[in-house]
C-alpha atoms as a PDB file:
ATOM      1  CA  MET A   1     136.303 191.991  88.163  1.00  0.00           C
ATOM      2  CA  PHE A   2     134.060 193.988  86.235  1.00  0.00           C
ATOM      3  CA  ARG A   3     136.215 194.030  83.054  1.00  0.00           C
ATOM      4  CA  ALA A   4     136.006 190.415  83.052  1.00  0.00           C
ATOM      5  CA  ILE A   5     132.361 190.192  82.986  1.00  0.00           C
ATOM      6  CA  LEU A   6     132.142 192.847  80.105  1.00  0.00           C
ATOM      7  CA  LYS A   7     134.305 190.740  78.625  1.00  0.00           C
ATOM      8  CA  ILE A   8     131.946 187.965  78.803  1.00  0.00           C
ATOM      9  CA  ALA A   9     129.185 189.961  77.804  1.00  0.00           C
ATOM     10  CA  ILE A  10     130.638 190.843  74.881  1.00  0.00           C
ATOM     11  CA  SER A  11     131.386 187.556  73.951  1.00  0.00           C
ATOM     12  CA  SER A  12     128.138 186.079  74.819  1.00  0.00           C
ATOM     13  CA  LEU A  13     126.686 188.879  72.433  1.00  0.00           C
ATOM     14  CA  GLY A  14     129.101 188.185  69.871  1.00  0.00           C
ATOM     15  CA  LEU A  15     128.275 183.959  70.082  1.00  0.00           C
ATOM     16  CA  LEU A  16     124.526 185.090  69.537  1.00  0.00           C
ATOM     17  CA  PHE A  17     125.123 187.016  66.633  1.00  0.00           C
ATOM     18  CA  PHE A  18     126.950 184.169  65.122  1.00  0.00           C
ATOM     19  CA  ILE A  19     124.595 181.964  66.244  1.00  0.00           C
ATOM     20  CA  SER A  20     122.040 184.028  64.635  1.00  0.00           C
ATOM     21  CA  PHE A  21     123.916 183.792  61.325  1.00  0.00           C
ATOM     22  CA  PHE A  22     124.252 180.625  61.101  1.00  0.00           C
ATOM     23  CA  LEU A  23     120.600 179.746  61.463  1.00  0.00           C
ATOM     24  CA  PHE A  24     119.530 182.187  59.112  1.00  0.00           C
ATOM     25  CA  LEU A  25     122.054 180.386  56.659  1.00  0.00           C
ATOM     26  CA  LEU A  26     120.786 177.181  57.446  1.00  0.00           C
ATOM     27  CA  ILE A  27     117.300 177.874  56.410  1.00  0.00           C
ATOM     28  CA  TYR A  28     118.037 179.996  53.697  1.00  0.00           C
ATOM     29  CA  PHE A  29     119.574 177.345  52.167  1.00  0.00           C
ATOM     30  CA  LEU A  30     117.141 174.180  52.942  1.00  0.00           C
ATOM     31  CA  PRO A  31     115.486 172.481  49.741  1.00  0.00           C
ATOM     32  CA  GLY A  32     111.539 173.386  49.000  1.00  0.00           C
ATOM     33  CA  ASN A  33     109.629 176.551  48.385  1.00  0.00           C
ATOM     34  CA  VAL A  34     107.754 178.503  50.920  1.00  0.00           C
ATOM     35  CA  THR A  35     105.027 178.492  48.634  1.00  0.00           C
ATOM     36  CA  ASP A  36     104.715 174.895  49.552  1.00  0.00           C
ATOM     37  CA  ALA A  37     103.986 175.511  52.954  1.00  0.00           C
ATOM     38  CA  MET A  38     101.545 178.579  52.480  1.00  0.00           C
ATOM     39  CA  PHE A  39      99.032 176.038  50.020  1.00  0.00           C
ATOM     40  CA  LEU A  40      98.162 173.073  50.570  1.00  0.00           C
ATOM     41  CA  ARG A  41      98.123 172.690  46.563  1.00  0.00           C
ATOM     42  CA  SER A  42     100.671 174.687  45.587  1.00  0.00           C
ATOM     43  CA  GLU A  43     101.760 172.936  42.442  1.00  0.00           C
ATOM     44  CA  ALA A  44      98.436 174.407  41.337  1.00  0.00           C
ATOM     45  CA  LEU A  45     100.159 177.737  41.389  1.00  0.00           C
ATOM     46  CA  SER A  46     101.837 179.287  38.382  1.00  0.00           C
ATOM     47  CA  VAL A  47     105.116 180.120  38.544  1.00  0.00           C
ATOM     48  CA  ALA A  48     104.304 183.743  37.923  1.00  0.00           C
ATOM     49  CA  ILE A  49     102.497 183.573  40.888  1.00  0.00           C
ATOM     50  CA  LYS A  50     104.827 181.936  42.932  1.00  0.00           C
ATOM     51  CA  GLU A  51     107.305 184.046  42.162  1.00  0.00           C
ATOM     52  CA  GLN A  52     105.443 187.190  42.729  1.00  0.00           C
ATOM     53  CA  ILE A  53     104.315 186.005  46.537  1.00  0.00           C
ATOM     54  CA  LEU A  54     108.583 185.608  46.873  1.00  0.00           C
ATOM     55  CA  GLU A  55     108.857 188.974  45.581  1.00  0.00           C
ATOM     56  CA  ASN A  56     105.975 190.511  47.988  1.00  0.00           C
ATOM     57  CA  LEU A  57     107.443 188.705  51.050  1.00  0.00           C
ATOM     58  CA  GLY A  58     110.714 189.881  50.221  1.00  0.00           C
ATOM     59  CA  LEU A  59     112.370 186.796  49.590  1.00  0.00           C
ATOM     60  CA  LYS A  60     113.650 187.359  46.232  1.00  0.00           C
ATOM     61  CA  ASP A  61     115.946 189.854  48.026  1.00  0.00           C
ATOM     62  CA  GLY A  62     120.019 188.663  48.458  1.00  0.00           C
ATOM     63  CA  PHE A  63     120.880 187.059  51.241  1.00  0.00           C
ATOM     64  CA  PHE A  64     122.447 189.813  53.264  1.00  0.00           C
ATOM     65  CA  VAL A  65     119.654 191.856  52.277  1.00  0.00           C
ATOM     66  CA  GLN A  66     117.071 189.580  54.351  1.00  0.00           C
ATOM     67  CA  TYR A  67     119.694 188.829  56.885  1.00  0.00           C
ATOM     68  CA  PHE A  68     119.624 191.750  58.228  1.00  0.00           C
ATOM     69  CA  ARG A  69     116.173 192.619  57.838  1.00  0.00           C
ATOM     70  CA  TRP A  70     115.089 190.033  59.698  1.00  0.00           C
ATOM     71  CA  LEU A  71     117.989 190.370  62.286  1.00  0.00           C
ATOM     72  CA  THR A  72     116.673 193.830  62.879  1.00  0.00           C
ATOM     73  CA  HIS A  73     113.298 193.334  63.203  1.00  0.00           C
ATOM     74  CA  PHE A  74     114.090 190.592  65.832  1.00  0.00           C
ATOM     75  CA  VAL A  75     116.068 192.692  67.706  1.00  0.00           C
ATOM     76  CA  THR A  76     112.784 195.454  67.741  1.00  0.00           C
ATOM     77  CA  GLY A  77     110.553 192.505  68.692  1.00  0.00           C
ATOM     78  CA  ASP A  78     109.149 192.063  65.785  1.00  0.00           C
ATOM     79  CA  PHE A  79     108.914 188.337  64.865  1.00  0.00           C
ATOM     80  CA  GLY A  80     107.280 188.314  61.834  1.00  0.00           C
ATOM     81  CA  THR A  81     103.745 186.563  60.619  1.00  0.00           C
ATOM     82  CA  SER A  82     103.972 182.434  60.132  1.00  0.00           C
ATOM     83  CA  PHE A  83     103.363 181.539  56.392  1.00  0.00           C
ATOM     84  CA  VAL A  84     101.141 178.655  57.351  1.00  0.00           C
ATOM     85  CA  SER A  85      98.457 179.730  59.440  1.00  0.00           C
ATOM     86  CA  GLY A  86      99.359 183.704  58.744  1.00  0.00           C
ATOM     87  CA  ALA A  87      99.030 184.298  62.854  1.00  0.00           C
ATOM     88  CA  SER A  88     101.578 186.483  64.016  1.00  0.00           C
ATOM     89  CA  VAL A  89     104.732 184.701  65.576  1.00  0.00           C
ATOM     90  CA  SER A  90     104.790 186.400  68.724  1.00  0.00           C
ATOM     91  CA  LEU A  91     101.425 185.212  69.641  1.00  0.00           C
ATOM     92  CA  LEU A  92     102.480 181.747  68.448  1.00  0.00           C
ATOM     93  CA  ILE A  93     105.385 181.798  70.841  1.00  0.00           C
ATOM     94  CA  LYS A  94     103.202 183.572  73.745  1.00  0.00           C
ATOM     95  CA  GLU A  95     100.563 180.720  73.384  1.00  0.00           C
ATOM     96  CA  ARG A  96     103.157 177.797  74.155  1.00  0.00           C
ATOM     97  CA  LEU A  97     105.541 179.209  76.423  1.00  0.00           C
ATOM     98  CA  LEU A  98     104.327 179.028  79.300  1.00  0.00           C
ATOM     99  CA  ASN A  99     104.137 175.002  78.748  1.00  0.00           C
ATOM    100  CA  SER A 100     107.841 174.991  77.719  1.00  0.00           C
ATOM    101  CA  LEU A 101     108.814 177.401  81.048  1.00  0.00           C
ATOM    102  CA  ILE A 102     107.008 174.636  83.242  1.00  0.00           C
ATOM    103  CA  LEU A 103     108.324 171.765  81.533  1.00  0.00           C
ATOM    104  CA  PHE A 104     111.932 173.067  81.663  1.00  0.00           C
ATOM    105  CA  PHE A 105     112.027 174.043  85.066  1.00  0.00           C
ATOM    106  CA  ALA A 106     110.095 170.922  86.251  1.00  0.00           C
ATOM    107  CA  SER A 107     112.689 168.990  84.928  1.00  0.00           C
ATOM    108  CA  PHE A 108     115.843 171.036  85.696  1.00  0.00           C
ATOM    109  CA  PHE A 109     114.810 171.290  89.241  1.00  0.00           C
ATOM    110  CA  LEU A 110     114.273 167.580  89.518  1.00  0.00           C
ATOM    111  CA  ILE A 111     117.589 166.667  87.723  1.00  0.00           C
ATOM    112  CA  VAL A 112     119.821 168.890  90.132  1.00  0.00           C
ATOM    113  CA  PHE A 113     117.798 167.532  93.303  1.00  0.00           C
ATOM    114  CA  LEU A 114     118.028 163.551  92.214  1.00  0.00           C
ATOM    115  CA  SER A 115     121.806 164.275  90.649  1.00  0.00           C
ATOM    116  CA  PHE A 116     122.750 166.250  93.860  1.00  0.00           C
ATOM    117  CA  PHE A 117     121.122 163.912  96.314  1.00  0.00           C
ATOM    118  CA  LEU A 118     122.233 160.338  94.512  1.00  0.00           C
ATOM    119  CA  GLY A 119     126.020 161.694  94.015  1.00  0.00           C
ATOM    120  CA  PHE A 120     125.668 162.421  97.889  1.00  0.00           C
ATOM    121  CA  LEU A 121     124.701 159.206  98.942  1.00  0.00           C
ATOM    122  CA  SER A 122     127.625 157.443  96.190  1.00  0.00           C
ATOM    123  CA  ALA A 123     130.459 159.515  98.094  1.00  0.00           C
ATOM    124  CA  ILE A 124     129.417 159.016 101.460  1.00  0.00           C
ATOM    125  CA  TYR A 125     129.072 155.281 100.830  1.00  0.00           C
ATOM    126  CA  LYS A 126     131.799 155.338  98.326  1.00  0.00           C
ATOM    127  CA  ASN A 127     132.703 151.408  96.957  1.00  0.00           C
ATOM    128  CA  LYS A 128     129.599 149.744  99.025  1.00  0.00           C
ATOM    129  CA  PHE A 129     126.187 148.584  97.059  1.00  0.00           C
ATOM    130  CA  ALA A 130     124.502 151.845  97.419  1.00  0.00           C
ATOM    131  CA  ASP A 131     127.464 153.060  95.214  1.00  0.00           C
ATOM    132  CA  ILE A 132     127.791 150.544  92.887  1.00  0.00           C
ATOM    133  CA  PHE A 133     123.718 150.413  92.177  1.00  0.00           C
ATOM    134  CA  ILE A 134     123.751 154.009  91.606  1.00  0.00           C
ATOM    135  CA  ASN A 135     126.156 153.999  89.189  1.00  0.00           C
ATOM    136  CA  PHE A 136     125.097 151.331  87.089  1.00  0.00           C
ATOM    137  CA  SER A 137     121.540 152.289  87.377  1.00  0.00           C
ATOM    138  CA  SER A 138     122.535 156.110  85.997  1.00  0.00           C
ATOM    139  CA  PHE A 139     125.020 155.122  83.725  1.00  0.00           C
ATOM    140  CA  LEU A 140     122.514 152.760  82.512  1.00  0.00           C
ATOM    141  CA  LEU A 141     119.777 155.184  81.562  1.00  0.00           C
ATOM    142  CA  ALA A 142     122.459 157.877  79.764  1.00  0.00           C
ATOM    143  CA  SER A 143     123.437 155.353  77.732  1.00  0.00           C
ATOM    144  CA  LEU A 144     119.993 155.364  76.368  1.00  0.00           C
ATOM    145  CA  PRO A 145     118.439 158.587  73.929  1.00  0.00           C
ATOM    146  CA  HIS A 146     115.772 160.698  75.295  1.00  0.00           C
ATOM    147  CA  PHE A 147     112.956 159.177  72.362  1.00  0.00           C
ATOM    148  CA  TYR A 148     113.894 155.790  73.161  1.00  0.00           C
ATOM    149  CA  ILE A 149     113.079 156.360  76.855  1.00  0.00           C
ATOM    150  CA  ALA A 150     110.378 158.283  75.844  1.00  0.00           C
ATOM    151  CA  LEU A 151     109.098 155.554  73.915  1.00  0.00           C
ATOM    152  CA  VAL A 152     109.753 153.179  76.479  1.00  0.00           C
ATOM    153  CA  LEU A 153     107.401 155.165  78.961  1.00  0.00           C
ATOM    154  CA  ILE A 154     104.520 155.156  76.417  1.00  0.00           C
ATOM    155  CA  ALA A 155     104.758 151.769  75.979  1.00  0.00           C
ATOM    156  CA  ILE A 156     104.479 150.786  80.206  1.00  0.00           C
ATOM    157  CA  PHE A 157     102.317 153.652  81.418  1.00  0.00           C
ATOM    158  CA  SER A 158     100.221 154.591  78.812  1.00  0.00           C
ATOM    159  CA  VAL A 159      99.867 151.621  76.810  1.00  0.00           C
ATOM    160  CA  TYR A 160      99.776 148.337  78.940  1.00  0.00           C
ATOM    161  CA  LEU A 161      99.297 149.812  82.482  1.00  0.00           C
ATOM    162  CA  ASN A 162      96.884 152.688  81.180  1.00  0.00           C
ATOM    163  CA  LEU A 163      97.920 155.117  83.863  1.00  0.00           C
ATOM    164  CA  LEU A 164      99.091 158.303  82.211  1.00  0.00           C
ATOM    165  CA  PRO A 165      97.892 159.733  78.948  1.00  0.00           C
ATOM    166  CA  SER A 166     101.018 159.937  76.299  1.00  0.00           C
ATOM    167  CA  SER A 167      99.284 163.079  74.304  1.00  0.00           C
ATOM    168  CA  GLY A 168      96.465 165.506  74.278  1.00  0.00           C
ATOM    169  CA  ALA A 169      98.006 167.658  76.650  1.00  0.00           C
ATOM    170  CA  ASN A 170      95.879 170.751  77.270  1.00  0.00           C
ATOM    171  CA  GLU A 171      97.457 174.057  78.673  1.00  0.00           C
ATOM    172  CA  LEU A 172      98.810 173.605  81.775  1.00  0.00           C
ATOM    173  CA  GLY A 173      97.748 176.031  84.433  1.00  0.00           C
ATOM    174  CA  SER A 174      94.661 176.609  82.793  1.00  0.00           C
ATOM    175  CA  SER A 175      92.619 173.830  84.066  1.00  0.00           C
ATOM    176  CA  GLY A 176      93.306 171.222  86.910  1.00  0.00           C
ATOM    177  CA  VAL A 177      93.835 168.246  84.438  1.00  0.00           C
ATOM    178  CA  GLY A 178      96.868 169.478  82.823  1.00  0.00           C
ATOM    179  CA  ALA A 179      99.604 168.524  85.517  1.00  0.00           C
ATOM    180  CA  LYS A 180      99.116 165.022  84.623  1.00  0.00           C
ATOM    181  CA  PHE A 181     100.431 165.496  80.924  1.00  0.00           C
ATOM    182  CA  ILE A 182     104.006 166.538  82.116  1.00  0.00           C
ATOM    183  CA  ILE A 183     104.928 163.391  84.105  1.00  0.00           C
ATOM    184  CA  LEU A 184     105.890 160.976  81.319  1.00  0.00           C
ATOM    185  CA  PRO A 185     107.567 164.137  79.506  1.00  0.00           C
ATOM    186  CA  THR A 186     109.572 165.039  82.386  1.00  0.00           C
ATOM    187  CA  LEU A 187     110.701 161.955  82.772  1.00  0.00           C
ATOM    188  CA  ALA A 188     112.263 161.313  79.536  1.00  0.00           C
ATOM    189  CA  ILE A 189     114.123 164.173  79.923  1.00  0.00           C
ATOM    190  CA  ILE A 190     115.687 163.609  83.234  1.00  0.00           C
ATOM    191  CA  LEU A 191     116.419 159.795  83.627  1.00  0.00           C
ATOM    192  CA  PRO A 192     119.194 160.626  80.220  1.00  0.00           C
ATOM    193  CA  HIS A 193     120.643 163.432  82.327  1.00  0.00           C
ATOM    194  CA  LEU A 194     121.348 161.228  85.885  1.00  0.00           C
ATOM    195  CA  GLY A 195     124.152 159.243  84.617  1.00  0.00           C
ATOM    196  CA  ALA A 196     126.980 161.886  83.949  1.00  0.00           C
ATOM    197  CA  ASN A 197     125.433 164.478  86.365  1.00  0.00           C
ATOM    198  CA  VAL A 198     125.634 162.076  89.462  1.00  0.00           C
ATOM    199  CA  LYS A 199     129.043 160.767  89.155  1.00  0.00           C
ATOM    200  CA  PHE A 200     130.184 164.821  88.587  1.00  0.00           C
ATOM    201  CA  VAL A 201     128.648 165.755  91.855  1.00  0.00           C
ATOM    202  CA  ARG A 202     129.836 162.276  93.402  1.00  0.00           C
ATOM    203  CA  ASP A 203     133.471 163.066  92.073  1.00  0.00           C
ATOM    204  CA  ARG A 204     133.179 166.231  93.345  1.00  0.00           C
ATOM    205  CA  LEU A 205     131.951 165.773  96.645  1.00  0.00           C
ATOM    206  CA  ASN A 206     134.809 162.625  97.022  1.00  0.00           C
ATOM    207  CA  GLN A 207     137.926 164.749  96.051  1.00  0.00           C
ATOM    208  CA  SER A 208     136.662 167.528  99.187  1.00  0.00           C
ATOM    209  CA  LEU A 209     135.976 164.765 101.358  1.00  0.00           C
ATOM    210  CA  ASN A 210     139.839 163.470 100.805  1.00  0.00           C
ATOM    211  CA  ALA A 211     140.893 167.239 101.470  1.00  0.00           C
ATOM    212  CA  ASP A 212     142.994 168.355 104.089  1.00  0.00           C
ATOM    213  CA  PHE A 213     141.120 170.540 106.123  1.00  0.00           C
ATOM    214  CA  ILE A 214     138.532 167.164 106.127  1.00  0.00           C
ATOM    215  CA  GLN A 215     141.011 164.824 107.524  1.00  0.00           C
ATOM    216  CA  THR A 216     141.732 168.016 110.227  1.00  0.00           C
ATOM    217  CA  ALA A 217     138.268 167.827 110.912  1.00  0.00           C
ATOM    218  CA  HIS A 218     137.956 163.977 111.311  1.00  0.00           C
ATOM    219  CA  ALA A 219     141.018 164.356 113.866  1.00  0.00           C
ATOM    220  CA  ARG A 220     139.452 166.867 115.829  1.00  0.00           C
ATOM    221  CA  GLY A 221     136.474 164.655 116.312  1.00  0.00           C
ATOM    222  CA  LEU A 222     133.741 166.964 114.282  1.00  0.00           C
ATOM    223  CA  GLY A 223     130.318 164.993 113.349  1.00  0.00           C
ATOM    224  CA  ARG A 224     129.773 163.342 110.316  1.00  0.00           C
ATOM    225  CA  GLY A 225     126.899 165.630 109.514  1.00  0.00           C
ATOM    226  CA  LYS A 226     129.388 169.039 110.164  1.00  0.00           C
ATOM    227  CA  ILE A 227     131.963 167.212 107.998  1.00  0.00           C
ATOM    228  CA  TYR A 228     129.514 166.406 105.093  1.00  0.00           C
ATOM    229  CA  LEU A 229     128.528 170.371 105.572  1.00  0.00           C
ATOM    230  CA  PHE A 230     131.705 171.544 104.895  1.00  0.00           C
ATOM    231  CA  ALA A 231     132.697 169.275 101.910  1.00  0.00           C
ATOM    232  CA  ILE A 232     129.223 170.394 100.394  1.00  0.00           C
ATOM    233  CA  LYS A 233     130.247 173.983 100.486  1.00  0.00           C
ATOM    234  CA  HIS A 234     133.703 173.518  99.503  1.00  0.00           C
ATOM    235  CA  ALA A 235     132.338 171.871  96.253  1.00  0.00           C
ATOM    236  CA  SER A 236     129.000 173.842  95.966  1.00  0.00           C
ATOM    237  CA  THR A 237     130.861 176.582  93.628  1.00  0.00           C
ATOM    238  CA  ASP A 238     132.083 173.655  90.737  1.00  0.00           C
ATOM    239  CA  ILE A 239     128.500 172.032  91.325  1.00  0.00           C
ATOM    240  CA  VAL A 240     126.369 175.266  90.870  1.00  0.00           C
ATOM    241  CA  TYR A 241     128.583 176.343  87.616  1.00  0.00           C
ATOM    242  CA  TYR A 242     127.957 172.685  86.349  1.00  0.00           C
ATOM    243  CA  PHE A 243     124.406 172.648  86.744  1.00  0.00           C
ATOM    244  CA  ALA A 244     124.089 175.873  85.443  1.00  0.00           C
ATOM    245  CA  THR A 245     125.995 174.840  82.041  1.00  0.00           C
ATOM    246  CA  LEU A 246     122.817 172.200  81.825  1.00  0.00           C
ATOM    247  CA  VAL A 247     120.562 174.407  80.469  1.00  0.00           C
ATOM    248  CA  ALA A 248     121.127 174.064  77.007  1.00  0.00           C
ATOM    249  CA  GLY A 249     121.066 170.392  76.754  1.00  0.00           C
ATOM    250  CA  VAL A 250     118.022 169.944  78.886  1.00  0.00           C
ATOM    251  CA  PHE A 251     115.951 172.597  76.570  1.00  0.00           C
ATOM    252  CA  ALA A 252     117.337 170.472  73.587  1.00  0.00           C
ATOM    253  CA  GLY A 253     116.234 167.391  74.892  1.00  0.00           C
ATOM    254  CA  SER A 254     112.950 168.824  75.672  1.00  0.00           C
ATOM    255  CA  TYR A 255     112.536 169.645  71.690  1.00  0.00           C
ATOM    256  CA  VAL A 256     112.760 166.050  70.734  1.00  0.00           C
ATOM    257  CA  ILE A 257     110.332 165.478  73.795  1.00  0.00           C
ATOM    258  CA  GLU A 258     107.571 167.541  73.123  1.00  0.00           C
ATOM    259  CA  SER A 259     107.302 166.311  69.818  1.00  0.00           C
ATOM    260  CA  ILE A 260     106.732 162.632  70.599  1.00  0.00           C
ATOM    261  CA  PHE A 261     104.115 163.502  73.220  1.00  0.00           C
ATOM    262  CA  SER A 262     102.864 166.308  71.145  1.00  0.00           C
ATOM    263  CA  PHE A 263     103.224 168.683  74.293  1.00  0.00           C
ATOM    264  CA  PRO A 264     102.040 172.222  72.936  1.00  0.00           C
ATOM    265  CA  GLY A 265     105.227 173.631  73.763  1.00  0.00           C
ATOM    266  CA  ILE A 266     107.979 175.991  72.044  1.00  0.00           C
ATOM    267  CA  GLY A 267     110.040 173.050  71.091  1.00  0.00           C
ATOM    268  CA  LYS A 268     106.829 170.848  69.309  1.00  0.00           C
ATOM    269  CA  LEU A 269     106.305 174.469  67.219  1.00  0.00           C
ATOM    270  CA  SER A 270     109.628 174.931  66.142  1.00  0.00           C
ATOM    271  CA  LEU A 271     109.860 171.231  65.031  1.00  0.00           C
ATOM    272  CA  ASP A 272     106.740 171.694  63.033  1.00  0.00           C
ATOM    273  CA  ALA A 273     107.843 175.210  61.649  1.00  0.00           C
ATOM    274  CA  VAL A 274     111.227 173.400  60.358  1.00  0.00           C
ATOM    275  CA  ILE A 275     109.324 170.472  58.860  1.00  0.00           C
ATOM    276  CA  ALA A 276     106.126 173.061  57.144  1.00  0.00           C
ATOM    277  CA  LYS A 277     108.992 175.206  56.313  1.00  0.00           C
ATOM    278  CA  ASP A 278     107.373 177.880  58.145  1.00  0.00           C
ATOM    279  CA  TYR A 279     110.640 179.762  58.301  1.00  0.00           C
ATOM    280  CA  PRO A 280     109.880 182.741  60.203  1.00  0.00           C
ATOM    281  CA  VAL A 281     108.365 180.566  63.289  1.00  0.00           C
ATOM    282  CA  ALA A 282     111.160 178.698  63.205  1.00  0.00           C
ATOM    283  CA  LEU A 283     114.100 181.247  63.195  1.00  0.00           C
ATOM    284  CA  ALA A 284     112.317 182.861  65.876  1.00  0.00           C
ATOM    285  CA  THR A 285     111.656 180.130  68.209  1.00  0.00           C
ATOM    286  CA  ILE A 286     115.306 178.670  67.793  1.00  0.00           C
ATOM    287  CA  LEU A 287     116.720 181.946  68.113  1.00  0.00           C
ATOM    288  CA  LEU A 288     114.836 182.883  71.680  1.00  0.00           C
ATOM    289  CA  THR A 289     116.343 179.347  72.789  1.00  0.00           C
ATOM    290  CA  ALA A 290     119.570 180.008  71.338  1.00  0.00           C
ATOM    291  CA  VAL A 291     118.862 183.690  73.785  1.00  0.00           C
ATOM    292  CA  PHE A 292     117.795 182.152  76.982  1.00  0.00           C
ATOM    293  CA  VAL A 293     120.938 179.142  76.840  1.00  0.00           C
ATOM    294  CA  VAL A 294     123.244 181.825  76.247  1.00  0.00           C
ATOM    295  CA  PHE A 295     121.699 184.205  79.350  1.00  0.00           C
ATOM    296  CA  ALA A 296     122.448 181.028  81.147  1.00  0.00           C
ATOM    297  CA  ASN A 297     125.539 180.641  80.706  1.00  0.00           C
ATOM    298  CA  LEU A 298     126.316 184.171  80.917  1.00  0.00           C
ATOM    299  CA  LEU A 299     125.316 184.037  84.172  1.00  0.00           C
ATOM    300  CA  ALA A 300     126.646 180.525  85.260  1.00  0.00           C
ATOM    301  CA  LYS A 301     130.183 182.466  84.191  1.00  0.00           C
ATOM    302  CA  ILE A 302     129.221 185.583  86.349  1.00  0.00           C
ATOM    303  CA  PHE A 303     128.270 183.243  89.103  1.00  0.00           C
ATOM    304  CA  ALA A 304     132.155 181.802  89.192  1.00  0.00           C
ATOM    305  CA  ILE A 305     133.749 184.642  89.096  1.00  0.00           C
ATOM    306  CA  LEU A 306     131.832 186.148  91.995  1.00  0.00           C
ATOM    307  CA  ALA A 307     132.370 183.053  94.047  1.00  0.00           C
ATOM    308  CA  ASP A 308     136.101 182.412  93.146  1.00  0.00           C
ATOM    309  CA  LYS A 309     138.118 185.223  91.776  1.00  0.00           C
ATOM    310  CA  ARG A 310     140.346 182.284  90.577  1.00  0.00           C
ATOM    311  CA  ASN A 311     137.669 181.639  87.703  1.00  0.00           C
ATOM    312  CA  LEU A 312     138.676 185.348  86.335  1.00  0.00           C
END
């Protein structure tokens, strides 16, 4: 078992190395010049000054020299300095990390809770009105992209009903008014995820409810409550592992949502950095996100192995 876990951990490190290389490659070949991000009127600078700036930043070195220098600094916790603001990248991330974590965990918790609750209802009322309605509604939402649902929510709750703000979020937790800014972004992340998740929970619970030991429990006269608990316990390993692998999708969806709602988080910071060619910020935020996702998947695989040795 230990060798299997060690093998998975090593493969995760290899995956992170590949992601870092591919990410740096994409950023390296992005069109445009770094001086465009550093100065409002970069066209007023002479070519010689621009070349000198690039030389001072080490951007005239070869690709592999730049990559391994950046990777060495990243591993040691030195994320560099923003080209646009001149602020420490670590400080920029620290200022927004709490907001992104609150949005992510709120969304992820509600996705897991609603998917399991609706999937359970759908399973116990199989082929009845509740099952049909839940499946139709969830798949309708799953067919719509995050940004479209976000715009619909803004139109309904911010424009027409004027109940919730569409932007202008304060730092969550710093005052009592910040929480209202998280409602619409959370809904925009949750709703598209329900379709596939509800179906997975429903199908997995139906498999458990149709298992031989459940039929035996029925024959012995066990109550429905105990039978449902047995079915949930039997399906729990697959369900927990499945939801653990959703981390990447939820986090990726939050990037777009943060930008739409001007939510001050890591996702908005990252997309703004890519648009502004602020390479140190873009590299640090995207790779830190990748580290978080890979680590979550690693924990999910370890859990699956510990829960069932057949997953070795």
